[in-house]
Amino acid sequence: MAEFDVVAASAKSRCNNRAIGWDDMAGFSLPTQRALIMLYLVLGATLFGRTPVISRSFSMALFLVMLLDPAATLSAGFWLSFGAVGVILLSVTGRIGRPTGWHQWGRVQWVVALGLAPLLFIQFGRASLVAPLVNLLLVPWFTLVLVPLVLFGLPLLSFPAAAALWAKLAEPCVTYTLVAIEWVADISFAALFLPGQPLWIWVGAMGGILLFLLPGGLPLRGAGVLLLLPLIFSSPQRPPPGGFRLTLLDVGQGLSAVVETARHQLVYDTGPAFPSGFNTAEAALLPYLHSRGIEQIDRLVVSNGDQDHSGGVAPLLKGITVVDLIGGEPMAVPNFCYCRSGMSWQWDGVSFEILHPDGSQEFLAGNDASCVLRVAGRGGSLLIPGDVEQQAEKWLVERYGQDLKSDVLIAPHHGSATSSTQPFADAVRPEYVLFPTGYRNRFGFPKADVQQRWRGLGAKLLNSAEEGAIQIDFHPEYGLGRPYRIRRERRHYWSTSWNE
């Protein structure tokens, strides 16, 4: 109960300075602002003897929130909070013979889930399938049990012993509620993922759902199904046979890249994981795969055992099917196989080849054990050398020579001073060099002399710390495409330089 004592002492200190307000208990979040304004408007109308109109209160709350904080429209909470109330109002107004009791409460839950689905897919790429049932049970539980328990305990904060006893009695209710929520969230079918779509498709789907929620008998209600058809039948565009697409994800100081062909996909490294539990496989890699409609990884290549390359392997294996896994250093995962020079395969007219390591004693561990992958199609070639350093680069040049020539290179070891030697650079001579680094990383990658070395060969340099995710198409007819840099292509007003 030490944690509660600290909280109680903090709360008591605050009480000595000023009274606890509603914003202390709920936080002044957007849903709180919206609910508070609507409540005040309804109470004000009642006090002045006027009939409260919920739609008018909703509109006034929307206006006041935008007036007080125009930037609120940039947050997901703004759209989800007002969107939930909006679809509820749309579904209950203009009806004859409204349902009552649990029937009405259950109807509200599926209406909210259906109405907010497009917004959830736009913002997060997924929507919960179990949310209606969970909310059906937990909203009354929170309203009738948990919130009263907290409110009844507030007057006891001035008496630490009584507050600790009350917290001990309330603790099982909170603990088991959180356990139940976590258990539901881990169910494999708890969420539905949909591929990313153009905005016009989502807008059409939203319009179709809103039409569907209108009262029955209206002539345009059936047209909502037509607006949903583009969402149902559209799918992300895949590279044509003989071509492939590289996506270098922005995972901070680490590496994770996805190579897609017409019908297959390869993932090279998974990015870092941290003791806090945060990992870039769940934060960046899996969301990208879901946005592309990818349901399985045909081959996962883990270049080496460093955390910034292999940290996300476990959550990735939990979140998606991986058919085959190879790596440069041993890993305690099922069906693991070492990558070795000479391994090669073809997918959809695109050649994949492992160039390194060869299994010799000097390349069994560390950065020089990294899997070096070369991908080549009719549209160009790609070289991903992982974290190889001078010794491995020397071996590669001696073994392959000018056959290392590639159009795009992901810089060895993030652009460190121990990599990108001159002989290696002369052999590869890429048109683009991509640096997977973290913003202001403590290593100072990419090093200035390394950048100058590549520029001296005429290469164009792109850094994920500055550009975000970088995507390049290798088209079988049109050749190497222009790099798509997400921070430049999807600019916001706050990222515009005054010098531009």
Protein backbone atom coordinates (compact mmCIF):
# COMPACT_ATOMS: atom_id res chain seq x y z
CA MET A 1 0.00 0.00 0.00
CA ALA A 2 3.03 2.26 -0.17
CA GLU A 3 1.90 3.58 -3.53
CA PHE A 4 -1.43 4.65 -2.08
CA ASP A 5 0.29 6.40 0.83
CA VAL A 6 2.34 8.45 -1.59
CA VAL A 7 -0.77 9.37 -3.57
CA ALA A 8 -2.68 10.20 -0.41
CA ALA A 9 0.14 12.40 0.89
CA SER A 10 0.33 14.21 -2.43
CA ALA A 11 -3.43 14.73 -2.50
CA LYS A 12 -3.42 15.98 1.11
CA SER A 13 -0.72 18.48 0.26
CA ARG A 14 -2.76 19.77 -2.64
CA CYS A 15 -5.85 20.04 -0.47
CA ASN A 16 -3.95 22.22 1.97
CA ASN A 17 -3.24 24.70 -0.82
CA ARG A 18 -6.58 24.72 -2.62
CA ALA A 19 -9.76 22.73 -2.99
CA ILE A 20 -9.80 19.76 -5.34
CA GLY A 21 -11.70 20.68 -8.49
CA TRP A 22 -13.43 18.55 -11.09
CA ASP A 23 -10.33 18.85 -13.33
CA ASP A 24 -8.19 17.22 -10.59
CA MET A 25 -10.35 14.12 -10.59
CA ALA A 26 -11.04 13.68 -14.29
CA GLY A 27 -8.27 15.62 -16.00
CA PHE A 28 -9.12 18.40 -18.40
CA SER A 29 -9.16 16.15 -21.43
CA LEU A 30 -11.32 16.77 -24.48
CA PRO A 31 -14.05 14.30 -23.45
CA THR A 32 -14.13 16.00 -20.03
CA GLN A 33 -14.46 19.44 -21.62
CA ARG A 34 -17.21 18.24 -23.94
CA ALA A 35 -19.18 16.53 -21.15
CA LEU A 36 -18.75 19.48 -18.78
CA ILE A 37 -19.93 22.09 -21.27
CA MET A 38 -22.94 20.01 -22.28
CA LEU A 39 -23.81 19.44 -18.61
CA TYR A 40 -23.59 23.15 -17.81
CA LEU A 41 -25.77 24.03 -20.80
CA VAL A 42 -28.45 21.51 -19.85
CA LEU A 43 -28.41 22.65 -16.19
CA GLY A 44 -28.52 26.29 -17.27
CA ALA A 45 -31.52 25.69 -19.51
CA THR A 46 -33.29 23.87 -16.68
CA LEU A 47 -32.57 26.63 -14.16
CA PHE A 48 -33.96 29.29 -16.51
CA GLY A 49 -37.07 27.23 -17.20
CA ARG A 50 -36.23 26.39 -20.80
CA THR A 51 -36.45 22.99 -22.41
CA PRO A 52 -32.91 21.66 -22.89
CA VAL A 53 -32.13 20.61 -26.47
CA ILE A 54 -29.34 18.02 -26.56
CA SER A 55 -28.38 18.72 -30.18
CA ARG A 56 -28.01 22.43 -29.35
CA SER A 57 -25.85 21.60 -26.32
CA PHE A 58 -23.74 19.33 -28.49
CA SER A 59 -23.23 22.04 -31.12
CA MET A 60 -22.39 24.66 -28.48
CA ALA A 61 -19.88 22.31 -26.82
CA LEU A 62 -18.24 21.70 -30.19
CA PHE A 63 -18.05 25.45 -30.86
CA LEU A 64 -16.65 26.32 -27.42
CA VAL A 65 -13.99 23.59 -27.44
CA MET A 66 -12.79 24.74 -30.88
CA LEU A 67 -12.89 28.37 -29.72
CA LEU A 68 -10.86 27.71 -26.58
CA ASP A 69 -8.40 25.32 -28.25
CA PRO A 70 -8.37 25.37 -32.08
CA ALA A 71 -5.54 22.82 -32.09
CA ALA A 72 -7.90 20.29 -30.48
CA THR A 73 -9.11 19.33 -33.96
CA LEU A 74 -5.68 17.77 -34.57
CA SER A 75 -6.14 15.15 -31.85
CA ALA A 76 -7.83 11.80 -32.23
CA GLY A 77 -9.69 12.34 -28.95
CA PHE A 78 -11.56 15.32 -30.39
CA TRP A 79 -12.99 13.36 -33.31
CA LEU A 80 -13.71 10.22 -31.32
CA SER A 81 -15.37 12.05 -28.40
CA PHE A 82 -17.64 14.28 -30.47
CA GLY A 83 -18.09 11.54 -33.06
CA ALA A 84 -19.42 9.12 -30.44
CA VAL A 85 -21.98 11.62 -29.16
CA GLY A 86 -22.89 12.62 -32.71
CA VAL A 87 -23.69 9.09 -33.88
CA ILE A 88 -25.69 8.44 -30.70
CA LEU A 89 -27.79 11.55 -31.35
CA LEU A 90 -28.21 10.52 -34.99
CA SER A 91 -29.38 7.05 -34.01
CA VAL A 92 -31.93 8.10 -31.37
CA THR A 93 -33.56 11.18 -32.92
CA GLY A 94 -36.55 10.95 -35.22
CA ARG A 95 -37.56 7.49 -33.99
CA ILE A 96 -41.00 6.17 -33.10
CA GLY A 97 -41.22 3.56 -30.39
CA ARG A 98 -37.71 3.85 -28.96
CA PRO A 99 -36.26 0.75 -27.27
CA THR A 100 -35.89 0.79 -23.49
CA GLY A 101 -33.70 -0.79 -20.84
CA TRP A 102 -30.90 -3.12 -21.87
CA HIS A 103 -32.20 -3.18 -25.43
CA GLN A 104 -31.57 0.56 -25.73
CA TRP A 105 -28.20 0.34 -23.96
CA GLY A 106 -27.06 -2.50 -26.24
CA ARG A 107 -28.19 -0.58 -29.33
CA VAL A 108 -26.15 2.44 -28.27
CA GLN A 109 -23.02 0.28 -28.04
CA TRP A 110 -23.18 -1.19 -31.52
CA VAL A 111 -24.17 2.18 -33.00
CA VAL A 112 -21.08 3.82 -31.46
CA ALA A 113 -18.86 0.95 -32.61
CA LEU A 114 -20.19 1.13 -36.15
CA GLY A 115 -20.20 4.91 -36.37
CA LEU A 116 -16.65 5.33 -35.07
CA ALA A 117 -15.15 2.48 -37.11
CA PRO A 118 -14.00 4.69 -40.03
CA LEU A 119 -12.38 7.18 -37.65
CA LEU A 120 -10.60 4.37 -35.79
CA PHE A 121 -9.30 2.87 -39.03
CA ILE A 122 -8.06 6.27 -40.22
CA GLN A 123 -6.35 7.11 -36.93
CA PHE A 124 -5.09 3.71 -35.77
CA GLY A 125 -5.53 1.27 -38.64
CA ARG A 126 -7.78 -0.99 -36.59
CA ALA A 127 -11.08 -1.15 -34.72
CA SER A 128 -12.14 -3.30 -31.81
CA LEU A 129 -14.61 -6.13 -32.41
CA VAL A 130 -15.22 -6.75 -28.72
CA ALA A 131 -15.69 -3.12 -27.68
CA PRO A 132 -19.52 -3.17 -27.86
CA LEU A 133 -19.75 -6.13 -25.48
CA VAL A 134 -17.02 -4.82 -23.19
CA ASN A 135 -18.62 -1.37 -22.98
CA LEU A 136 -22.03 -2.93 -22.46
CA LEU A 137 -20.73 -4.47 -19.22
CA LEU A 138 -17.96 -2.16 -18.07
CA VAL A 139 -19.63 1.23 -18.46
CA PRO A 140 -22.31 0.34 -15.83
CA TRP A 141 -19.57 -1.29 -13.72
CA PHE A 142 -17.48 1.87 -13.73
CA THR A 143 -20.51 4.12 -13.28
CA LEU A 144 -22.17 2.22 -10.46
CA VAL A 145 -19.16 0.68 -8.66
CA LEU A 146 -15.65 1.95 -9.42
CA VAL A 147 -16.33 5.69 -9.71
CA PRO A 148 -18.49 5.77 -6.52
CA LEU A 149 -15.72 3.86 -4.71
CA VAL A 150 -13.22 6.55 -5.67
CA LEU A 151 -15.56 9.44 -4.86
CA PHE A 152 -16.52 7.98 -1.49
CA GLY A 153 -12.83 7.66 -0.66
CA LEU A 154 -11.95 11.29 -1.41
CA PRO A 155 -13.12 12.70 1.97
CA LEU A 156 -10.89 10.10 3.67
CA LEU A 157 -7.69 11.51 2.13
CA SER A 158 -7.32 13.78 5.14
CA PHE A 159 -7.14 10.64 7.32
CA PRO A 160 -4.34 8.45 5.87
CA ALA A 161 -5.16 5.37 7.96
CA ALA A 162 -8.82 5.40 6.94
CA ALA A 163 -7.88 6.14 3.32
CA ALA A 164 -5.46 3.20 3.27
CA LEU A 165 -8.15 0.88 4.65
CA TRP A 166 -10.65 2.10 2.06
CA ALA A 167 -8.11 1.62 -0.73
CA LYS A 168 -7.41 -1.91 0.47
CA LEU A 169 -11.10 -2.72 0.25
CA ALA A 170 -11.43 -1.16 -3.21
CA GLU A 171 -8.20 -2.60 -4.61
CA PRO A 172 -9.58 -6.02 -5.69
CA CYS A 173 -12.33 -4.37 -7.75
CA VAL A 174 -9.81 -2.27 -9.67
CA THR A 175 -7.23 -5.07 -10.02
CA TYR A 176 -9.62 -7.68 -11.37
CA THR A 177 -11.17 -5.13 -13.72
CA LEU A 178 -7.77 -4.36 -15.23
CA VAL A 179 -6.95 -8.08 -15.48
CA ALA A 180 -10.21 -8.71 -17.31
CA ILE A 181 -9.59 -5.82 -19.72
CA GLU A 182 -6.05 -7.03 -20.48
CA TRP A 183 -7.33 -10.58 -21.04
CA VAL A 184 -9.95 -9.38 -23.51
CA ALA A 185 -7.42 -7.18 -25.31
CA ASP A 186 -5.11 -10.18 -25.85
CA ILE A 187 -7.78 -12.25 -27.60
CA SER A 188 -6.63 -12.93 -31.16
CA PHE A 189 -9.89 -11.74 -32.75
CA ALA A 190 -10.32 -8.71 -30.45
CA ALA A 191 -9.39 -6.22 -33.19
CA LEU A 192 -10.02 -5.96 -36.91
CA PHE A 193 -7.25 -4.59 -39.13
CA LEU A 194 -7.97 -3.09 -42.53
CA PRO A 195 -5.42 -2.04 -45.17
CA GLY A 196 -4.75 1.65 -45.58
CA GLN A 197 -6.99 3.34 -48.13
CA PRO A 198 -7.18 6.77 -49.78
CA LEU A 199 -9.05 9.36 -47.76
CA TRP A 200 -11.93 9.51 -50.25
CA ILE A 201 -12.72 5.84 -49.59
CA TRP A 202 -12.89 6.44 -45.83
CA VAL A 203 -15.04 9.54 -46.31
CA GLY A 204 -17.41 7.51 -48.49
CA ALA A 205 -17.54 4.72 -45.92
CA MET A 206 -18.28 7.23 -43.17
CA GLY A 207 -21.10 8.71 -45.24
CA GLY A 208 -22.49 5.24 -45.90
CA ILE A 209 -22.54 4.36 -42.21
CA LEU A 210 -24.22 7.65 -41.29
CA LEU A 211 -26.92 7.01 -43.91
CA PHE A 212 -27.39 3.52 -42.52
CA LEU A 213 -27.95 4.95 -39.03
CA LEU A 214 -30.79 7.20 -40.19
CA PRO A 215 -34.36 6.22 -39.26
CA GLY A 216 -35.83 3.38 -41.28
CA GLY A 217 -38.03 4.23 -44.22
CA LEU A 218 -35.96 7.18 -45.47
CA PRO A 219 -35.34 6.81 -49.23
CA LEU A 220 -31.57 7.47 -49.12
CA ARG A 221 -30.87 5.04 -46.31
CA GLY A 222 -30.24 2.10 -48.63
CA ALA A 223 -27.67 4.10 -50.62
CA GLY A 224 -25.29 3.77 -47.70
CA VAL A 225 -24.38 0.27 -48.87
CA LEU A 226 -23.16 1.65 -52.21
CA LEU A 227 -20.80 4.04 -50.44
CA LEU A 228 -19.25 1.09 -48.59
CA LEU A 229 -18.46 -0.90 -51.75
CA PRO A 230 -15.10 0.82 -52.53
CA LEU A 231 -13.89 -0.06 -49.02
CA ILE A 232 -15.01 -3.68 -49.37
CA PHE A 233 -13.47 -4.36 -52.77
CA SER A 234 -10.34 -2.17 -52.77
CA SER A 235 -6.90 -3.45 -51.76
CA PRO A 236 -3.42 -1.90 -51.56
CA GLN A 237 -1.50 -1.86 -54.82
CA ARG A 238 1.29 -4.43 -55.00
CA PRO A 239 4.49 -4.21 -57.05
CA PRO A 240 4.17 -5.84 -60.51
CA PRO A 241 6.00 -9.13 -61.25
CA GLY A 242 9.70 -8.49 -61.69
CA GLY A 243 9.56 -5.40 -59.45
CA PHE A 244 9.72 -4.83 -55.72
CA ARG A 245 9.24 -2.12 -53.10
CA LEU A 246 11.54 -1.17 -50.23
CA THR A 247 10.16 0.54 -47.13
CA LEU A 248 12.71 1.65 -44.57
CA LEU A 249 10.71 2.31 -41.41
CA ASP A 250 11.52 5.04 -38.93
CA VAL A 251 12.29 3.06 -35.76
CA GLY A 252 14.70 5.50 -34.16
CA GLN A 253 18.23 4.25 -33.52
CA GLY A 254 17.72 0.83 -35.07
CA LEU A 255 16.76 -0.86 -38.30
CA SER A 256 13.63 -2.35 -39.77
CA ALA A 257 12.91 -2.65 -43.48
CA VAL A 258 10.20 -4.36 -45.53
CA VAL A 259 10.70 -5.68 -49.07
CA GLU A 260 7.52 -6.51 -51.00
CA THR A 261 7.16 -8.32 -54.31
CA ALA A 262 3.98 -9.11 -56.23
CA ARG A 263 2.91 -11.89 -53.84
CA HIS A 264 5.57 -12.13 -51.12
CA GLN A 265 7.08 -10.01 -48.36
CA LEU A 266 10.37 -10.07 -46.49
CA VAL A 267 11.14 -8.21 -43.28
CA TYR A 268 14.74 -7.32 -42.48
CA ASP A 269 15.17 -6.64 -38.75
CA THR A 270 12.50 -5.53 -36.30
CA GLY A 271 13.89 -2.43 -34.62
CA PRO A 272 14.62 -1.96 -30.90
CA ALA A 273 12.80 -2.86 -27.71
CA PHE A 274 13.15 -1.16 -24.34
CA PRO A 275 12.86 -2.26 -20.67
CA SER A 276 9.67 -0.21 -20.36
CA GLY A 277 7.97 -2.66 -22.74
CA PHE A 278 7.85 -0.26 -25.68
CA ASN A 279 9.05 -1.85 -28.90
CA THR A 280 9.03 -0.66 -32.48
CA ALA A 281 7.64 -3.94 -33.82
CA GLU A 282 4.28 -3.09 -32.26
CA ALA A 283 4.64 0.68 -32.68
CA ALA A 284 5.81 0.83 -36.31
CA LEU A 285 6.41 -2.49 -38.06
CA LEU A 286 3.13 -4.29 -37.37
CA PRO A 287 0.97 -1.21 -38.08
CA TYR A 288 2.73 -0.81 -41.42
CA LEU A 289 2.22 -4.47 -42.33
CA HIS A 290 -1.47 -4.23 -41.41
CA SER A 291 -1.83 -1.05 -43.45
CA ARG A 292 -0.52 -2.96 -46.46
CA GLY A 293 -2.94 -5.84 -45.90
CA ILE A 294 -0.04 -8.20 -45.12
CA GLU A 295 -1.17 -11.17 -43.04
CA GLN A 296 2.06 -13.14 -43.00
CA ILE A 297 5.80 -12.64 -43.44
CA ASP A 298 7.32 -15.13 -45.86
CA ARG A 299 10.84 -14.61 -44.52
CA LEU A 300 12.16 -12.68 -41.54
CA VAL A 301 15.86 -11.83 -41.62
CA VAL A 302 17.41 -10.75 -38.31
CA SER A 303 20.83 -9.39 -39.19
CA ASN A 304 22.40 -9.77 -35.73
CA GLY A 305 21.52 -10.11 -32.08
CA ASP A 306 21.83 -6.45 -31.06
CA GLN A 307 18.70 -5.02 -29.47
CA ASP A 308 18.32 -2.27 -32.07
CA HIS A 309 17.93 -4.97 -34.73
CA SER A 310 16.33 -7.93 -32.94
CA GLY A 311 14.45 -6.32 -30.03
CA GLY A 312 11.05 -6.59 -31.68
CA VAL A 313 11.27 -10.24 -32.76
CA ALA A 314 9.13 -11.66 -29.93
CA PRO A 315 6.21 -9.21 -30.30
CA LEU A 316 6.40 -9.55 -34.08
CA LEU A 317 6.11 -13.35 -33.87
CA LYS A 318 3.17 -12.89 -31.51
CA GLY A 319 1.42 -10.40 -33.78
CA ILE A 320 1.77 -12.00 -37.23
CA THR A 321 2.55 -15.32 -38.88
CA VAL A 322 6.22 -15.72 -39.85
CA VAL A 323 6.84 -18.60 -42.26
CA ASP A 324 10.64 -18.62 -42.11
CA LEU A 325 13.27 -16.94 -39.91
CA ILE A 326 17.01 -16.67 -40.53
CA GLY A 327 19.63 -14.68 -38.65
CA GLY A 328 23.31 -14.00 -38.26
CA GLU A 329 23.44 -14.88 -34.55
CA PRO A 330 21.56 -17.61 -32.66
CA MET A 331 18.08 -16.87 -31.39
CA ALA A 332 15.80 -18.85 -29.07
CA VAL A 333 12.86 -18.95 -31.47
CA PRO A 334 11.17 -21.86 -33.28
CA ASN A 335 12.51 -22.95 -36.70
CA PHE A 336 15.54 -20.64 -36.52
CA CYS A 337 18.18 -21.07 -39.24
CA TYR A 338 21.51 -19.32 -39.75
CA CYS A 339 21.89 -17.13 -42.81
CA ARG A 340 24.89 -18.16 -44.89
CA SER A 341 26.47 -16.86 -48.06
CA GLY A 342 25.17 -18.72 -51.08
CA MET A 343 21.57 -18.89 -49.87
CA SER A 344 19.33 -17.61 -52.66
CA TRP A 345 15.71 -17.72 -53.80
CA GLN A 346 13.36 -16.05 -56.24
CA TRP A 347 9.97 -14.49 -55.65
CA ASP A 348 7.83 -13.21 -58.51
CA GLY A 349 10.79 -12.62 -60.82
CA VAL A 350 12.92 -10.95 -58.11
CA SER A 351 16.19 -12.50 -56.91
CA PHE A 352 17.23 -12.60 -53.25
CA GLU A 353 20.73 -13.64 -52.20
CA ILE A 354 22.57 -13.82 -48.88
CA LEU A 355 26.15 -12.65 -49.47
CA HIS A 356 27.51 -12.91 -45.93
CA PRO A 357 28.49 -14.45 -43.47
CA ASP A 358 30.22 -17.58 -44.74
CA GLY A 359 30.18 -19.43 -41.41
CA SER A 360 33.89 -18.94 -40.68
CA GLN A 361 35.04 -18.44 -37.10
CA GLU A 362 35.79 -14.72 -37.52
CA PHE A 363 32.19 -13.95 -38.51
CA LEU A 364 30.26 -15.98 -35.94
CA ALA A 365 29.38 -13.17 -33.53
CA GLY A 366 29.10 -9.41 -33.28
CA ASN A 367 28.43 -6.84 -35.97
CA ASP A 368 30.42 -8.77 -38.59
CA ALA A 369 28.03 -11.72 -38.20
CA SER A 370 25.30 -9.63 -39.83
CA CYS A 371 23.33 -11.11 -42.71
CA VAL A 372 24.08 -9.19 -45.91
CA LEU A 373 21.12 -9.35 -48.29
CA ARG A 374 21.06 -8.32 -51.94
CA VAL A 375 17.77 -7.98 -53.82
CA ALA A 376 17.70 -7.56 -57.60
CA GLY A 377 14.90 -7.24 -60.13
CA ARG A 378 14.38 -5.73 -63.55
CA GLY A 379 13.84 -2.33 -61.92
CA GLY A 380 17.11 -2.18 -60.00
CA SER A 381 19.02 -3.63 -57.06
CA LEU A 382 19.18 -3.17 -53.29
CA LEU A 383 21.91 -4.03 -50.77
CA ILE A 384 21.20 -4.35 -47.03
CA PRO A 385 24.44 -5.07 -45.12
CA GLY A 386 23.20 -4.82 -41.54
CA ASP A 387 25.93 -3.81 -39.09
CA VAL A 388 28.97 -5.12 -40.96
CA GLU A 389 32.21 -3.29 -40.29
CA GLN A 390 35.63 -2.99 -41.92
CA GLN A 391 36.64 -6.65 -41.72
CA ALA A 392 33.42 -7.95 -43.22
CA GLU A 393 33.39 -5.20 -45.85
CA LYS A 394 36.91 -6.20 -46.89
CA TRP A 395 35.76 -9.81 -47.20
CA LEU A 396 32.76 -8.78 -49.30
CA VAL A 397 34.89 -6.72 -51.68
CA GLU A 398 37.40 -9.54 -52.10
CA ARG A 399 34.65 -12.12 -52.62
CA TYR A 400 32.24 -10.23 -54.90
CA GLY A 401 34.11 -7.18 -56.19
CA GLN A 402 32.03 -5.13 -58.63
CA ASP A 403 29.12 -7.57 -58.24
CA LEU A 404 28.28 -5.58 -55.09
CA LYS A 405 27.11 -2.73 -57.35
CA SER A 406 23.60 -1.72 -56.22
CA ASP A 407 21.24 1.16 -56.93
CA VAL A 408 20.17 1.58 -53.31
CA LEU A 409 22.17 0.85 -50.17
CA ILE A 410 21.06 0.89 -46.55
CA ALA A 411 24.24 2.22 -44.95
CA PRO A 412 26.27 -0.34 -42.97
CA HIS A 413 26.04 0.07 -39.19
CA HIS A 414 23.91 3.24 -39.43
CA GLY A 415 26.76 5.25 -40.93
CA SER A 416 29.37 4.58 -38.23
CA ALA A 417 33.05 5.47 -38.65
CA THR A 418 33.94 1.77 -38.52
CA SER A 419 31.94 1.02 -41.68
CA SER A 420 31.49 2.35 -45.23
CA THR A 421 35.18 1.98 -46.09
CA GLN A 422 36.38 3.47 -49.35
CA PRO A 423 36.92 0.11 -51.14
CA PHE A 424 33.41 -0.99 -50.17
CA ALA A 425 31.93 2.33 -51.29
CA ASP A 426 33.79 2.12 -54.62
CA ALA A 427 32.40 -1.38 -55.21
CA VAL A 428 28.76 -0.58 -54.38
CA ARG A 429 28.50 2.92 -55.91
CA PRO A 430 24.78 3.37 -55.12
CA GLU A 431 22.50 6.10 -56.38
CA TYR A 432 20.87 6.38 -52.94
CA VAL A 433 22.29 5.71 -49.48
CA LEU A 434 19.71 5.40 -46.68
CA PHE A 435 20.81 5.94 -43.08
CA PRO A 436 18.57 4.28 -40.42
CA THR A 437 19.33 6.45 -37.38
CA GLY A 438 17.67 8.00 -34.37
CA TYR A 439 17.20 11.74 -34.02
CA ARG A 440 20.21 13.21 -32.19
CA ASN A 441 21.43 9.70 -31.33
CA ARG A 442 24.24 9.54 -28.81
CA PHE A 443 26.63 7.93 -31.32
CA GLY A 444 26.53 10.85 -33.72
CA PHE A 445 25.45 8.63 -36.66
CA PRO A 446 25.83 9.11 -39.53
CA LYS A 447 29.39 10.36 -39.19
CA ALA A 448 30.31 13.41 -41.25
CA ASP A 449 33.27 11.76 -42.98
CA VAL A 450 31.09 8.79 -43.94
CA GLN A 451 28.51 11.11 -45.48
CA GLN A 452 31.24 12.95 -47.38
CA ARG A 453 32.62 9.65 -48.67
CA TRP A 454 29.29 8.69 -50.19
CA ARG A 455 28.65 12.17 -51.56
CA GLY A 456 32.05 12.01 -53.22
CA LEU A 457 30.72 9.11 -55.29
CA GLY A 458 27.65 11.09 -56.34
CA ALA A 459 25.20 9.27 -54.05
CA LYS A 460 22.08 10.98 -52.70
CA LEU A 461 21.80 10.63 -48.92
CA LEU A 462 18.55 10.16 -46.98
CA ASN A 463 18.33 9.88 -43.21
CA SER A 464 15.30 8.31 -41.51
CA ALA A 465 15.81 10.64 -38.51
CA GLU A 466 15.05 13.57 -40.84
CA GLU A 467 12.81 12.01 -43.48
CA GLY A 468 10.79 9.51 -41.43
CA ALA A 469 9.88 6.32 -43.27
CA ILE A 470 11.43 6.10 -46.76
CA GLN A 471 9.87 4.10 -49.59
CA ILE A 472 11.39 3.34 -52.99
CA ASP A 473 9.83 1.37 -55.85
CA PHE A 474 11.93 -0.74 -58.22
CA HIS A 475 9.57 -0.94 -61.21
CA PRO A 476 10.33 -3.52 -63.93
CA GLU A 477 9.47 -1.04 -66.72
CA TYR A 478 10.19 2.41 -65.30
CA GLY A 479 13.20 1.53 -63.17
CA LEU A 480 14.10 3.17 -59.89
CA GLY A 481 11.33 5.40 -58.57
CA ARG A 482 11.60 8.67 -56.70
CA PRO A 483 11.94 8.08 -52.95
CA TYR A 484 8.75 8.69 -50.99
CA ARG A 485 9.74 10.49 -47.77
CA ILE A 486 6.81 10.57 -45.41
CA ARG A 487 7.74 13.73 -43.52
CA ARG A 488 8.02 15.66 -46.77
CA GLU A 489 5.02 14.12 -48.51
CA ARG A 490 2.70 14.44 -45.51
CA ARG A 491 3.71 17.83 -44.20
CA HIS A 492 1.92 19.73 -41.45
CA TYR A 493 1.96 23.43 -40.82
CA TRP A 494 4.15 22.97 -37.71
CA SER A 495 6.87 21.21 -39.74
CA THR A 496 7.22 24.00 -42.31
CA SER A 497 10.44 25.97 -42.12
CA TRP A 498 10.23 29.75 -42.21
CA ASN A 499 13.01 29.68 -44.79
CA GLU A 500 10.96 27.67 -47.28
